[in-house]
Protein backbone atom coordinates (compact mmCIF):
# COMPACT_ATOMS: atom_id res chain seq x y z
CA UNK A 1 -75.11 154.65 -25.80
CA UNK A 2 -74.29 151.31 -24.22
CA UNK A 3 -74.22 153.08 -20.91
CA UNK A 4 -77.41 153.99 -21.34
CA UNK A 5 -79.08 150.78 -22.34
CA UNK A 6 -77.14 149.65 -19.04
CA UNK A 7 -78.83 151.95 -16.82
CA UNK A 8 -82.21 151.66 -18.16
CA UNK A 9 -82.31 147.68 -17.50
CA UNK A 10 -80.46 148.34 -13.85
CA UNK A 11 -83.34 150.71 -13.30
CA UNK A 12 -85.80 148.01 -14.16
CA UNK A 13 -84.54 145.83 -12.45
CA UNK A 14 -84.69 147.93 -9.23
CA UNK A 15 -88.49 148.91 -10.26
CA UNK A 16 -89.27 145.39 -9.92
CA UNK A 17 -87.15 144.39 -7.11
CA UNK A 18 -88.03 147.00 -4.92
CA UNK A 19 -91.83 146.05 -4.23
CA UNK A 20 -91.14 142.62 -4.28
CA UNK A 21 -88.55 142.50 -1.42
CA UNK A 22 -91.04 144.67 0.56
CA UNK A 23 -94.05 142.04 -0.17
CA UNK A 24 -92.17 139.09 0.89
CA UNK A 25 -92.77 135.56 -0.15
CA UNK A 26 -95.98 133.45 -1.17
CA UNK A 27 -96.57 130.17 0.18
CA UNK A 28 -93.81 127.64 -0.58
CA UNK A 29 -94.38 125.65 -3.51
CA UNK A 30 -93.61 121.79 -3.98
CA UNK A 31 -90.68 120.60 -6.81
CA UNK A 32 -91.79 120.98 -10.24
CA UNK A 33 -93.83 118.08 -12.01
CA UNK A 34 -95.56 117.55 -8.65
CA UNK A 35 -99.25 117.77 -8.15
CA UNK A 36 -99.44 119.32 -4.85
CA UNK A 37 -98.55 122.51 -3.23
CA UNK A 38 -97.62 121.33 0.50
CA UNK A 39 -94.73 123.33 1.76
CA UNK A 40 -91.06 121.28 1.88
CA UNK A 41 -87.57 121.37 2.88
CA UNK A 42 -87.08 121.27 -0.40
CA UNK A 43 -89.31 123.29 -2.26
CA UNK A 44 -88.13 124.90 -5.61
CA UNK A 45 -89.70 127.93 -5.37
CA UNK A 46 -89.84 129.82 -8.44
CA UNK A 47 -88.38 127.28 -10.32
CA UNK A 48 -87.85 126.95 -13.57
CA UNK A 49 -86.28 130.44 -14.46
CA UNK A 50 -87.02 131.97 -18.07
CA UNK A 51 -84.40 131.72 -21.45
CA UNK A 52 -83.73 134.50 -23.30
CA UNK A 53 -85.82 132.97 -26.09
CA UNK A 54 -89.45 133.65 -23.81
CA UNK A 55 -89.82 130.02 -22.83
CA UNK A 56 -89.52 128.55 -18.96
CA UNK A 57 -85.95 126.99 -18.56
CA UNK A 58 -82.30 128.45 -17.64
CA UNK A 59 -80.56 130.84 -19.86
CA UNK A 60 -81.05 129.23 -23.25
CA UNK A 61 -81.83 125.53 -22.58
CA UNK A 62 -85.49 125.01 -22.15
CA UNK A 63 -87.15 123.15 -19.33
CA UNK A 64 -90.15 120.61 -19.46
CA UNK A 65 -91.36 122.08 -16.30
CA UNK A 66 -93.71 125.34 -16.74
CA UNK A 67 -93.20 128.43 -15.02
CA UNK A 68 -96.04 129.71 -12.85
CA UNK A 69 -98.45 126.89 -13.49
CA UNK A 70 -101.40 128.08 -11.11
CA UNK A 71 -103.53 125.63 -8.65
CA UNK A 72 -104.52 122.08 -10.16
CA UNK A 73 -107.71 122.98 -11.56
CA UNK A 74 -106.67 126.70 -12.53
CA UNK A 75 -107.26 127.11 -16.09
CA UNK A 76 -104.80 130.05 -16.25
CA UNK A 77 -101.52 130.43 -14.24
CA UNK A 78 -100.08 133.80 -13.38
CA UNK A 79 -97.39 135.72 -16.30
CA UNK A 80 -93.95 135.27 -15.53
CA UNK A 81 -91.60 138.11 -16.78
CA UNK A 82 -88.17 138.29 -17.37
CA UNK A 83 -84.97 140.54 -18.31
CA UNK A 84 -81.27 139.55 -19.33
CA UNK A 85 -78.31 141.56 -20.48
CA UNK A 86 -75.67 139.11 -21.84
CA UNK A 87 -72.16 140.85 -22.48
CA UNK A 88 -70.85 138.74 -25.77
CA UNK A 89 -67.38 140.54 -26.14
CA UNK A 90 -67.63 143.31 -28.28
CA UNK A 91 -71.34 142.81 -28.58
CA UNK A 92 -74.45 143.23 -26.03
CA UNK A 93 -77.47 141.63 -25.74
CA UNK A 94 -80.81 142.75 -23.91
CA UNK A 95 -83.89 140.64 -23.37
CA UNK A 96 -87.47 140.98 -22.25
CA UNK A 97 -89.75 138.13 -22.03
CA UNK A 98 -93.11 137.14 -20.51
CA UNK A 99 -94.59 133.52 -20.12
CA UNK A 100 -98.11 132.33 -19.00
CA UNK A 101 -99.68 128.73 -18.85
CA UNK A 102 -103.22 127.47 -19.63
CA UNK A 103 -104.53 124.48 -18.18
CA UNK A 104 -101.36 123.74 -16.19
CA UNK A 105 -100.14 122.19 -19.35
CA UNK A 106 -99.82 124.64 -21.91
CA UNK A 107 -97.35 127.48 -22.28
CA UNK A 108 -97.41 130.38 -24.19
CA UNK A 109 -94.70 132.55 -24.18
CA UNK A 110 -92.84 135.99 -25.95
CA UNK A 111 -89.32 137.53 -26.16
CA UNK A 112 -87.80 140.45 -27.51
CA UNK A 113 -84.01 140.44 -28.09
CA UNK A 114 -82.00 143.48 -28.98
CA UNK A 115 -78.15 142.27 -29.99
CA UNK A 116 -75.92 145.50 -30.18
CA UNK A 117 -73.68 145.12 -32.96
CA UNK A 118 -72.06 148.41 -33.32
CA UNK A 119 -68.39 146.37 -33.61
CA UNK A 120 -69.81 144.50 -36.58
CA UNK A 121 -71.27 147.77 -38.07
CA UNK A 122 -67.85 149.89 -37.57
CA UNK A 123 -65.60 147.07 -38.85
CA UNK A 124 -67.60 146.77 -42.07
CA UNK A 125 -66.93 150.77 -42.52
CA UNK A 126 -63.62 150.56 -41.96
CA UNK A 127 -63.38 147.97 -45.01
CA UNK A 128 -65.61 150.61 -47.25
CA UNK A 129 -69.00 148.90 -47.03
CA UNK A 130 -71.92 149.47 -44.62
CA UNK A 131 -74.39 147.36 -42.39
CA UNK A 132 -76.97 150.41 -42.61
CA UNK A 133 -77.55 149.59 -38.96
CA UNK A 134 -75.82 148.83 -35.45
CA UNK A 135 -78.22 146.43 -34.36
CA UNK A 136 -80.41 143.75 -35.06
CA UNK A 137 -83.72 142.71 -33.31
CA UNK A 138 -85.47 139.33 -33.02
CA UNK A 139 -89.16 138.33 -31.80
CA UNK A 140 -89.76 134.82 -30.69
CA UNK A 141 -93.71 133.52 -30.26
CA UNK A 142 -93.87 130.24 -28.28
CA UNK A 143 -96.42 127.70 -27.42
CA UNK A 144 -95.34 124.52 -25.95
CA UNK A 145 -97.42 121.52 -24.60
CA UNK A 146 -96.44 119.34 -21.33
CA UNK A 147 -97.33 116.01 -23.18
CA UNK A 148 -96.48 113.63 -19.94
CA UNK A 149 -96.44 114.89 -16.36
CA UNK A 150 -93.48 113.56 -14.58
CA UNK A 151 -94.48 110.12 -12.45
CA UNK A 152 -96.93 109.76 -14.59
CA UNK A 153 -98.54 106.33 -15.24
CA UNK A 154 -97.01 105.15 -11.50
CA UNK A 155 -93.45 105.30 -12.64
CA UNK A 156 -91.30 107.36 -10.08
CA UNK A 157 -88.94 107.40 -12.84
CA UNK A 158 -90.59 108.87 -15.64
CA UNK A 159 -89.80 112.56 -16.51
CA UNK A 160 -91.75 115.16 -18.02
CA UNK A 161 -92.04 115.36 -21.50
CA UNK A 162 -92.57 119.01 -23.33
CA UNK A 163 -92.83 119.62 -26.97
CA UNK A 164 -92.96 123.20 -28.48
CA UNK A 165 -93.08 125.24 -31.59
CA UNK A 166 -91.45 128.54 -31.94
CA UNK A 167 -91.66 131.25 -34.72
CA UNK A 168 -89.33 133.84 -34.98
CA UNK A 169 -89.50 137.11 -36.68
CA UNK A 170 -86.29 139.04 -37.34
CA UNK A 171 -85.86 142.50 -37.57
CA UNK A 172 -82.45 143.79 -39.35
CA UNK A 173 -81.03 141.02 -41.30
CA UNK A 174 -82.98 141.16 -44.27
CA UNK A 175 -81.22 145.43 -44.49
CA UNK A 176 -78.47 144.28 -43.80
CA UNK A 177 -78.14 141.65 -46.45
CA UNK A 178 -79.68 144.37 -48.57
CA UNK A 179 -77.40 147.19 -47.85
CA UNK A 180 -73.97 144.75 -48.28
CA UNK A 181 -75.05 143.70 -51.80
CA UNK A 182 -76.45 140.33 -50.98
CA UNK A 183 -73.58 139.44 -48.41
CA UNK A 184 -75.24 136.93 -46.70
CA UNK A 185 -77.06 135.48 -48.84
CA UNK A 186 -73.67 134.47 -50.32
CA UNK A 187 -73.38 132.51 -47.09
CA UNK A 188 -76.75 130.84 -47.49
CA UNK A 189 -78.98 133.25 -45.70
CA UNK A 190 -82.38 132.72 -46.96
CA UNK A 191 -85.18 134.36 -45.03
CA UNK A 192 -85.39 136.79 -41.95
CA UNK A 193 -88.14 134.61 -40.05
CA UNK A 194 -88.57 130.80 -39.72
CA UNK A 195 -89.84 127.87 -37.41
CA UNK A 196 -88.04 125.79 -34.97
CA UNK A 197 -89.52 122.75 -33.27
CA UNK A 198 -88.13 121.56 -29.32
CA UNK A 199 -88.54 118.26 -27.30
CA UNK A 200 -87.72 118.61 -24.00
CA UNK A 201 -87.21 116.11 -20.74
CA UNK A 202 -86.96 117.48 -17.19
CA UNK A 203 -86.77 115.42 -13.87
CA UNK A 204 -86.27 115.82 -10.50
CA UNK A 205 -84.43 113.54 -7.58
CA UNK A 206 -85.06 115.41 -4.47
CA UNK A 207 -82.11 114.02 -2.74
CA UNK A 208 -79.93 113.01 -5.27
CA UNK A 209 -76.74 115.01 -4.02
CA UNK A 210 -76.14 115.66 -0.02
CA UNK A 211 -79.76 115.22 0.49
CA UNK A 212 -80.71 118.01 -2.00
CA UNK A 213 -82.53 118.54 -5.34
CA UNK A 214 -80.88 117.82 -8.81
CA UNK A 215 -82.75 118.59 -11.80
CA UNK A 216 -81.55 117.06 -15.06
CA UNK A 217 -82.74 118.56 -18.36
CA UNK A 218 -82.29 116.98 -22.26
CA UNK A 219 -83.95 118.34 -25.47
CA UNK A 220 -83.66 118.21 -29.56
CA UNK A 221 -84.52 120.98 -31.40
CA UNK A 222 -84.76 121.41 -35.01
CA UNK A 223 -84.07 124.72 -36.60
CA UNK A 224 -82.66 126.59 -39.42
CA UNK A 225 -81.52 129.67 -37.18
CA UNK A 226 -78.33 131.49 -37.31
CA UNK A 227 -77.16 132.40 -33.98
CA UNK A 228 -80.93 131.54 -32.46
CA UNK A 229 -82.35 133.51 -35.28
CA UNK A 230 -80.70 136.85 -34.72
CA UNK A 231 -78.59 136.72 -38.10
CA UNK A 232 -81.80 134.98 -39.87
CA UNK A 233 -82.48 131.68 -41.19
CA UNK A 234 -80.71 129.59 -43.76
CA UNK A 235 -81.48 126.74 -46.28
CA UNK A 236 -80.17 123.64 -44.03
CA UNK A 237 -82.20 122.21 -41.44
CA UNK A 238 -80.20 120.82 -38.45
CA UNK A 239 -81.10 118.41 -35.17
CA UNK A 240 -79.57 119.86 -32.20
CA UNK A 241 -79.07 118.31 -28.54
CA UNK A 242 -79.48 120.68 -25.53
CA UNK A 243 -79.15 119.90 -22.26
CA UNK A 244 -78.70 121.02 -18.57
CA UNK A 245 -78.01 120.16 -14.90
CA UNK A 246 -79.29 121.96 -11.71
CA UNK A 247 -78.34 121.58 -8.06
CA UNK A 248 -79.86 123.63 -5.35
CA UNK A 249 -77.26 123.33 -2.45
CA UNK A 250 -79.87 125.53 -0.38
CA UNK A 251 -83.69 126.79 -0.80
CA UNK A 252 -81.99 130.04 -1.68
CA UNK A 253 -79.10 128.69 -4.13
CA UNK A 254 -79.41 127.17 -7.64
CA UNK A 255 -76.37 126.28 -9.33
CA UNK A 256 -76.38 125.56 -13.06
CA UNK A 257 -74.89 124.57 -16.32
CA UNK A 258 -76.18 124.55 -19.65
CA UNK A 259 -75.03 123.29 -22.82
CA UNK A 260 -76.34 124.14 -26.42
CA UNK A 261 -75.17 122.58 -29.64
CA UNK A 262 -75.16 124.72 -32.35
CA UNK A 263 -74.98 123.78 -35.96
CA UNK A 264 -74.29 126.98 -38.07
CA UNK A 265 -76.59 127.22 -41.54
CA UNK A 266 -74.24 129.82 -43.26
CA UNK A 267 -70.68 129.33 -44.57
CA UNK A 268 -67.59 131.13 -42.80
CA UNK A 269 -68.05 134.41 -43.75
CA UNK A 270 -65.17 135.85 -41.41
CA UNK A 271 -63.96 138.33 -40.29
CA UNK A 272 -67.21 140.11 -40.91
CA UNK A 273 -69.32 137.02 -39.80
CA UNK A 274 -67.38 133.70 -38.56
CA UNK A 275 -69.13 130.37 -37.67
CA UNK A 276 -70.95 130.26 -34.74
CA UNK A 277 -70.18 127.68 -31.96
CA UNK A 278 -71.77 125.48 -29.59
CA UNK A 279 -72.71 127.32 -25.98
CA UNK A 280 -71.88 126.36 -22.98
CA UNK A 281 -73.17 128.49 -19.24
CA UNK A 282 -72.42 128.10 -15.52
CA UNK A 283 -75.38 129.88 -13.62
CA UNK A 284 -75.51 131.25 -9.76
CA UNK A 285 -78.74 132.16 -8.72
CA UNK A 286 -80.52 133.71 -5.86
CA UNK A 287 -83.74 132.75 -5.13
CA UNK A 288 -84.89 136.28 -3.29
CA UNK A 289 -88.44 134.60 -2.50
CA UNK A 290 -91.27 132.62 -4.15
CA UNK A 291 -91.47 135.55 -6.72
CA UNK A 292 -88.26 136.70 -7.90
CA UNK A 293 -84.78 135.63 -8.63
CA UNK A 294 -81.68 136.78 -9.66
CA UNK A 295 -79.22 135.08 -11.77
CA UNK A 296 -75.58 135.79 -12.82
CA UNK A 297 -74.23 134.06 -16.00
CA UNK A 298 -70.49 133.22 -17.13
CA UNK A 299 -70.09 131.12 -20.22
CA UNK A 300 -68.29 130.48 -23.16
CA UNK A 301 -70.39 131.87 -26.43
CA UNK A 302 -67.87 131.35 -29.26
CA UNK A 303 -68.12 133.69 -32.33
CA UNK A 304 -71.24 136.26 -32.47
CA UNK A 305 -70.77 137.73 -35.70
CA UNK A 306 -67.43 139.08 -36.31
CA UNK A 307 -66.25 139.29 -31.99
CA UNK A 308 -65.46 136.26 -29.57
CA UNK A 309 -68.13 135.77 -26.60
CA UNK A 310 -65.34 133.93 -24.74
CA UNK A 311 -66.04 134.40 -21.95
CA UNK A 312 -69.54 135.91 -21.65
CA UNK A 313 -71.18 137.47 -18.71
CA UNK A 314 -74.63 138.35 -17.86
CA UNK A 315 -77.49 138.81 -15.45
CA UNK A 316 -81.00 137.70 -15.49
CA UNK A 317 -83.97 138.75 -13.32
CA UNK A 318 -87.49 136.83 -13.30
CA UNK A 319 -90.62 137.80 -11.70
CA UNK A 320 -93.35 135.76 -11.00
CA UNK A 321 -96.89 137.86 -10.35
C-alpha cells in the first residue's frame, strides 16, 4: 500500500519535471521583494518554495514573500504547485498544494495533506481497540496579504511583512474519537476544524555571506491545532514563534534551516498519542530553472502520534506556471 503511494508520488514528480526540463528557463527574475525583474547575478529564481500547508515559504515555515506574483500592474499572477513526501518514523505524510497571487499583494492557497497512521492503528488494535481507519486527511484554505513591501518608505532595512488567515478542515479525527469512545476528547480534543492567524516578516541581504544572498524570516502564529491540525484542534489557544534562514551559495542551490515552535493543546496520551515537540529541519534545494525546484529535507519532528520522527526525511517538488 505504502509502496504504491510512493510510486504514485514519484510518477507525478517525473510527469511535472520532464516537460519543464525540456522547456528551459524563463527570463531571470529579481530577488523577492524588489519591484523590478531585471536579470542579475544574484537572481533568486523561483523562490520562495511552498509549505506543506499551502503557502509560500519553506517546508513548514511561511515566507513574507509571495511566490510568482506576476509583473508590475498584473491583476493575477500565475499559479504555483508543489508536492511533498515526508517519512515521519513509521508514519508518512503526502501533500499537494497550489497558490496564486492577486494584485501582487494577496495570496490565496490550498493544500491537501494525507497522513498514513497505519502504525498507530496497529498499536491500538493490539491493545484491543480500533481507530476505525489508518489515515487522517487535512484541507488547508489560506488567504495572506503582504501589508508592507520590502524596502518600503525609503528604508533599506525594512522587511516584507505579510499577515495570513488560515482555515483547516480535518477528515478523520472526529471518527477516530468516536470509535475509541472519546479517547481524544479526554486529551482535550475539541473540534476537527479550526482557524489560525500568522504574521511573517522576511528580509533579503543580497551579498551578506561571501557575496551571496541570505534570507531571514521570522513569524508568529496563533493556533489551537494539534500537529498543524492533522489530529484536530484543542480548547487552548497558543502563540508560537517560527523562523528560517536561507543561503544561496550559487544561483542553482539553496540551503535552509527552519524552526517551528509547537505548543501541544492536548494532554499526554502516550503510548497511543504522545506529546508533540517543536520542529527543526535542514533543506538542500536545486533550482532546475526559473520554474522548477527540487528539495531534500532532513529534520527532527519529535513525536507524531505514537511514533518518533527523529530523524524525518523527505522530498519537495515545486513548479511555477
